[in-house]
N, C-alpha and C. Protein backbone atom coordinates (compact mmCIF):
# COMPACT_ATOMS: atom_id res chain seq x y z
N MET A 1 13.58 17.44 4.37
CA MET A 1 13.70 16.03 4.43
C MET A 1 13.92 15.58 5.84
N SER A 2 13.38 14.45 6.14
CA SER A 2 13.52 13.92 7.47
C SER A 2 14.89 13.25 7.59
N ASP A 3 15.17 12.90 8.80
CA ASP A 3 16.44 12.03 9.00
C ASP A 3 16.36 10.80 8.35
N ALA A 4 17.44 10.25 7.72
CA ALA A 4 17.42 9.02 7.15
C ALA A 4 17.71 7.88 8.08
N GLU A 5 17.11 6.73 7.67
CA GLU A 5 17.26 5.48 8.48
C GLU A 5 18.01 4.62 7.53
N THR A 6 19.06 3.96 7.91
CA THR A 6 19.88 3.06 7.07
C THR A 6 20.01 1.64 7.58
N ALA A 7 20.32 0.74 6.69
CA ALA A 7 20.53 -0.60 6.91
C ALA A 7 21.64 -1.12 5.96
N ASP A 8 22.47 -2.02 6.36
CA ASP A 8 23.55 -2.60 5.56
C ASP A 8 23.49 -4.11 5.63
N ALA A 9 23.59 -4.74 4.54
CA ALA A 9 23.71 -6.22 4.46
C ALA A 9 24.12 -6.66 3.13
N ASN A 10 24.91 -7.73 3.07
CA ASN A 10 25.32 -8.36 1.77
C ASN A 10 26.00 -7.34 0.87
N GLY A 11 26.70 -6.34 1.28
CA GLY A 11 27.39 -5.41 0.43
C GLY A 11 26.44 -4.29 -0.18
N ILE A 12 25.23 -4.24 0.39
CA ILE A 12 24.22 -3.23 -0.04
C ILE A 12 23.84 -2.33 1.11
N THR A 13 23.83 -1.10 0.80
CA THR A 13 23.34 -0.10 1.83
C THR A 13 22.02 0.36 1.37
N ALA A 14 20.99 0.38 2.27
CA ALA A 14 19.65 0.85 2.08
C ALA A 14 19.48 2.19 2.94
N ARG A 15 18.97 3.21 2.35
CA ARG A 15 18.68 4.46 3.00
C ARG A 15 17.21 4.82 2.84
N TYR A 16 16.46 4.96 3.90
CA TYR A 16 15.03 5.46 3.81
C TYR A 16 14.99 6.80 4.30
N TYR A 17 14.24 7.66 3.64
CA TYR A 17 13.99 8.96 4.06
C TYR A 17 12.68 9.57 3.43
N GLU A 18 12.19 10.60 3.95
CA GLU A 18 10.92 11.21 3.37
C GLU A 18 11.23 12.64 3.02
N THR A 19 10.68 12.99 1.85
CA THR A 19 10.84 14.38 1.37
C THR A 19 9.38 15.00 1.48
N ALA A 20 9.16 16.14 0.99
CA ALA A 20 7.90 16.80 1.17
C ALA A 20 6.81 16.06 0.42
N GLU A 21 7.26 15.33 -0.70
CA GLU A 21 6.25 14.67 -1.52
C GLU A 21 6.29 13.20 -1.50
N GLU A 22 7.46 12.52 -1.09
CA GLU A 22 7.62 11.11 -1.15
C GLU A 22 8.30 10.46 0.01
N ARG A 23 7.99 9.21 0.04
CA ARG A 23 8.81 8.23 0.99
C ARG A 23 9.78 7.59 -0.04
N VAL A 24 11.08 7.55 0.34
CA VAL A 24 12.00 7.00 -0.59
C VAL A 24 12.98 5.97 0.02
N LEU A 25 13.15 4.80 -0.60
CA LEU A 25 13.99 3.87 -0.18
C LEU A 25 15.10 3.63 -1.32
N GLU A 26 16.31 4.06 -0.99
CA GLU A 26 17.44 3.97 -2.05
C GLU A 26 18.34 2.85 -1.55
N PHE A 27 18.87 2.16 -2.57
CA PHE A 27 19.66 1.02 -2.49
C PHE A 27 20.94 1.27 -3.20
N GLU A 28 22.11 1.08 -2.65
CA GLU A 28 23.38 1.26 -3.25
C GLU A 28 24.15 -0.03 -3.09
N GLY A 29 24.53 -0.63 -4.26
CA GLY A 29 25.42 -1.77 -4.20
C GLY A 29 26.74 -1.47 -4.93
N GLU A 30 27.53 -2.49 -5.09
CA GLU A 30 28.96 -2.27 -5.65
C GLU A 30 28.89 -1.80 -7.03
N ARG A 31 27.90 -2.28 -7.87
CA ARG A 31 27.86 -2.00 -9.26
C ARG A 31 26.68 -1.03 -9.71
N ALA A 32 25.63 -0.88 -8.85
CA ALA A 32 24.53 -0.21 -9.32
C ALA A 32 23.74 0.42 -8.14
N THR A 33 22.70 1.17 -8.56
CA THR A 33 21.77 1.69 -7.52
C THR A 33 20.34 1.39 -8.01
N ALA A 34 19.43 1.62 -7.02
CA ALA A 34 18.06 1.45 -7.30
C ALA A 34 17.26 2.34 -6.22
N ALA A 35 16.04 2.65 -6.47
CA ALA A 35 15.12 3.38 -5.58
C ALA A 35 13.78 3.05 -5.65
N ILE A 36 13.10 2.98 -4.66
CA ILE A 36 11.65 2.71 -4.54
C ILE A 36 11.13 4.03 -3.93
N ALA A 37 9.99 4.57 -4.52
CA ALA A 37 9.29 5.69 -4.08
C ALA A 37 7.84 5.56 -3.91
N GLN A 38 7.25 6.23 -2.93
CA GLN A 38 5.78 6.21 -2.79
C GLN A 38 5.42 7.51 -2.42
N ASN A 39 4.10 7.92 -2.63
CA ASN A 39 3.67 9.23 -2.10
C ASN A 39 3.78 9.25 -0.60
N ARG A 40 3.83 10.49 -0.20
CA ARG A 40 4.03 10.76 1.28
C ARG A 40 2.94 10.16 2.19
N GLU A 41 1.67 10.01 1.67
CA GLU A 41 0.50 9.50 2.36
C GLU A 41 0.68 7.91 2.50
N GLY A 42 1.54 7.37 1.54
CA GLY A 42 1.74 5.92 1.69
C GLY A 42 0.62 4.98 1.11
N TYR A 43 -0.32 5.60 0.25
CA TYR A 43 -1.37 4.80 -0.37
C TYR A 43 -1.29 4.60 -1.82
N ALA A 44 -0.33 5.19 -2.52
CA ALA A 44 -0.19 5.06 -3.95
C ALA A 44 0.76 3.93 -4.30
N MET A 45 0.82 3.63 -5.65
CA MET A 45 1.67 2.54 -6.15
C MET A 45 3.14 3.00 -5.87
N LEU A 46 3.95 2.03 -5.75
CA LEU A 46 5.42 2.20 -5.60
C LEU A 46 6.07 2.34 -6.98
N LYS A 47 6.92 3.27 -7.07
CA LYS A 47 7.65 3.54 -8.34
C LYS A 47 9.09 3.08 -8.16
N VAL A 48 9.52 2.26 -9.05
CA VAL A 48 11.02 1.77 -9.12
C VAL A 48 11.71 2.65 -10.09
N ARG A 49 12.86 3.20 -9.60
CA ARG A 49 13.69 4.09 -10.44
C ARG A 49 15.18 3.54 -10.38
N PRO A 50 16.06 3.84 -11.19
CA PRO A 50 17.47 3.62 -11.18
C PRO A 50 18.19 4.41 -9.94
N THR A 51 17.70 5.54 -9.79
CA THR A 51 18.14 6.46 -8.72
C THR A 51 16.98 7.17 -8.11
N ALA A 52 17.10 7.82 -6.94
CA ALA A 52 16.02 8.39 -6.31
C ALA A 52 15.45 9.58 -7.14
N ASP A 53 16.17 10.25 -7.96
CA ASP A 53 15.64 11.26 -8.80
C ASP A 53 15.64 10.87 -10.23
N GLY A 54 15.82 9.56 -10.58
CA GLY A 54 15.81 9.07 -11.87
C GLY A 54 14.41 8.90 -12.49
N ASP A 55 14.31 8.51 -13.78
CA ASP A 55 13.08 8.35 -14.37
C ASP A 55 12.48 7.05 -13.91
N GLU A 56 11.12 7.14 -13.73
CA GLU A 56 10.36 5.87 -13.25
C GLU A 56 10.50 4.76 -14.28
N LEU A 57 10.86 3.62 -13.85
CA LEU A 57 10.84 2.39 -14.69
C LEU A 57 9.71 1.56 -14.75
N GLU A 58 9.03 1.49 -13.56
CA GLU A 58 7.85 0.65 -13.39
C GLU A 58 7.15 1.05 -12.11
N ARG A 59 5.87 0.69 -12.03
CA ARG A 59 5.01 0.89 -10.85
C ARG A 59 4.43 -0.49 -10.39
N TYR A 60 4.38 -0.61 -9.00
CA TYR A 60 3.83 -1.78 -8.37
C TYR A 60 3.02 -1.55 -7.31
N TYR A 61 1.98 -2.37 -7.05
CA TYR A 61 1.16 -2.27 -5.85
C TYR A 61 1.81 -2.80 -4.65
N GLY A 62 2.54 -3.87 -4.83
CA GLY A 62 3.15 -4.61 -3.71
C GLY A 62 4.60 -4.32 -3.52
N PHE A 63 5.04 -4.30 -2.30
CA PHE A 63 6.36 -3.96 -1.89
C PHE A 63 7.24 -5.04 -2.42
N ASP A 64 6.85 -6.38 -2.25
CA ASP A 64 7.64 -7.54 -2.66
C ASP A 64 8.05 -7.42 -4.23
N MET A 65 7.15 -7.01 -5.09
CA MET A 65 7.37 -6.84 -6.37
C MET A 65 8.36 -5.69 -6.71
N ALA A 66 8.10 -4.66 -6.01
CA ALA A 66 9.11 -3.52 -6.15
C ALA A 66 10.54 -3.92 -5.68
N LEU A 67 10.62 -4.66 -4.62
CA LEU A 67 11.93 -5.22 -4.19
C LEU A 67 12.54 -6.10 -5.12
N ASP A 68 11.71 -6.94 -5.69
CA ASP A 68 12.26 -7.81 -6.76
C ASP A 68 12.87 -7.05 -7.94
N HIS A 69 12.16 -6.02 -8.37
CA HIS A 69 12.71 -5.22 -9.52
C HIS A 69 14.05 -4.41 -9.12
N ALA A 70 13.95 -3.92 -7.84
CA ALA A 70 15.21 -3.21 -7.32
C ALA A 70 16.35 -4.18 -7.22
N ALA A 71 16.13 -5.33 -6.76
CA ALA A 71 17.18 -6.40 -6.67
C ALA A 71 17.75 -6.76 -8.06
N GLU A 72 16.76 -6.88 -9.06
CA GLU A 72 17.24 -7.08 -10.44
C GLU A 72 18.20 -6.01 -10.99
N LEU A 73 17.78 -4.79 -10.69
CA LEU A 73 18.66 -3.58 -11.06
C LEU A 73 20.03 -3.66 -10.48
N LEU A 74 20.10 -4.14 -9.20
CA LEU A 74 21.35 -4.27 -8.45
C LEU A 74 22.11 -5.56 -8.77
N GLY A 75 21.47 -6.53 -9.48
CA GLY A 75 22.08 -7.80 -9.70
C GLY A 75 22.24 -8.70 -8.59
N VAL A 76 21.20 -8.66 -7.70
CA VAL A 76 21.30 -9.58 -6.43
C VAL A 76 19.98 -10.20 -6.19
N SER A 77 19.95 -11.14 -5.23
CA SER A 77 18.62 -11.65 -4.94
C SER A 77 17.79 -10.68 -4.04
N PRO A 78 16.47 -10.64 -4.14
CA PRO A 78 15.64 -9.89 -3.31
C PRO A 78 15.92 -10.12 -1.77
N ASN A 79 16.28 -11.29 -1.49
CA ASN A 79 16.58 -11.71 -0.16
C ASN A 79 17.82 -11.02 0.45
N ASP A 80 18.74 -10.48 -0.46
CA ASP A 80 19.95 -9.80 -0.05
C ASP A 80 19.68 -8.35 0.35
N LEU A 81 18.51 -7.72 -0.04
CA LEU A 81 18.28 -6.38 0.22
C LEU A 81 17.92 -6.15 1.62
N PRO A 82 18.68 -5.30 2.30
CA PRO A 82 18.28 -4.80 3.70
C PRO A 82 17.22 -3.76 3.59
N VAL A 83 16.28 -3.87 4.48
CA VAL A 83 15.11 -2.92 4.55
C VAL A 83 15.03 -2.33 5.89
N PRO A 84 15.33 -1.02 6.05
CA PRO A 84 15.21 -0.29 7.27
C PRO A 84 13.73 -0.49 7.84
N GLU A 85 13.65 -0.44 9.04
CA GLU A 85 12.37 -0.67 9.72
C GLU A 85 11.27 0.29 9.31
N ALA A 86 11.64 1.58 9.08
CA ALA A 86 10.71 2.64 8.71
C ALA A 86 10.14 2.44 7.29
N ALA A 87 10.75 1.64 6.43
CA ALA A 87 10.24 1.34 5.11
C ALA A 87 9.55 0.03 5.04
N ALA A 88 9.52 -0.70 5.98
CA ALA A 88 8.80 -2.07 6.01
C ALA A 88 7.43 -2.04 5.59
N ASP A 89 6.72 -0.90 5.81
CA ASP A 89 5.26 -0.91 5.56
C ASP A 89 4.92 -0.20 4.21
N MET A 90 5.95 0.02 3.30
CA MET A 90 5.65 0.52 1.94
C MET A 90 4.85 -0.42 1.11
N GLY A 91 4.06 0.09 0.26
CA GLY A 91 3.23 -0.69 -0.63
C GLY A 91 1.73 -0.54 -0.18
N MET A 92 0.88 -1.13 -0.91
CA MET A 92 -0.63 -0.97 -0.77
C MET A 92 -1.06 -2.21 0.02
């Protein structure tokens, strides 16, 4: 796993990292967690999960739609989610 890049805002911590198979963006709020994952090559649909290793809830082409779903899981506005710079290009 590569070194993680983090960002904090509005009571939410975002952590971006890469595994051998995926690019992962995890969010942790006060009451819940959410994760967005994409294949390592960065061309597949984004998978939204309740945790990084949890079951897939939905797939999206666009990063904005995946962020909307992650925000819903966290109970916040999508505008409240911090996104580390390395994760800004996720999505198709």
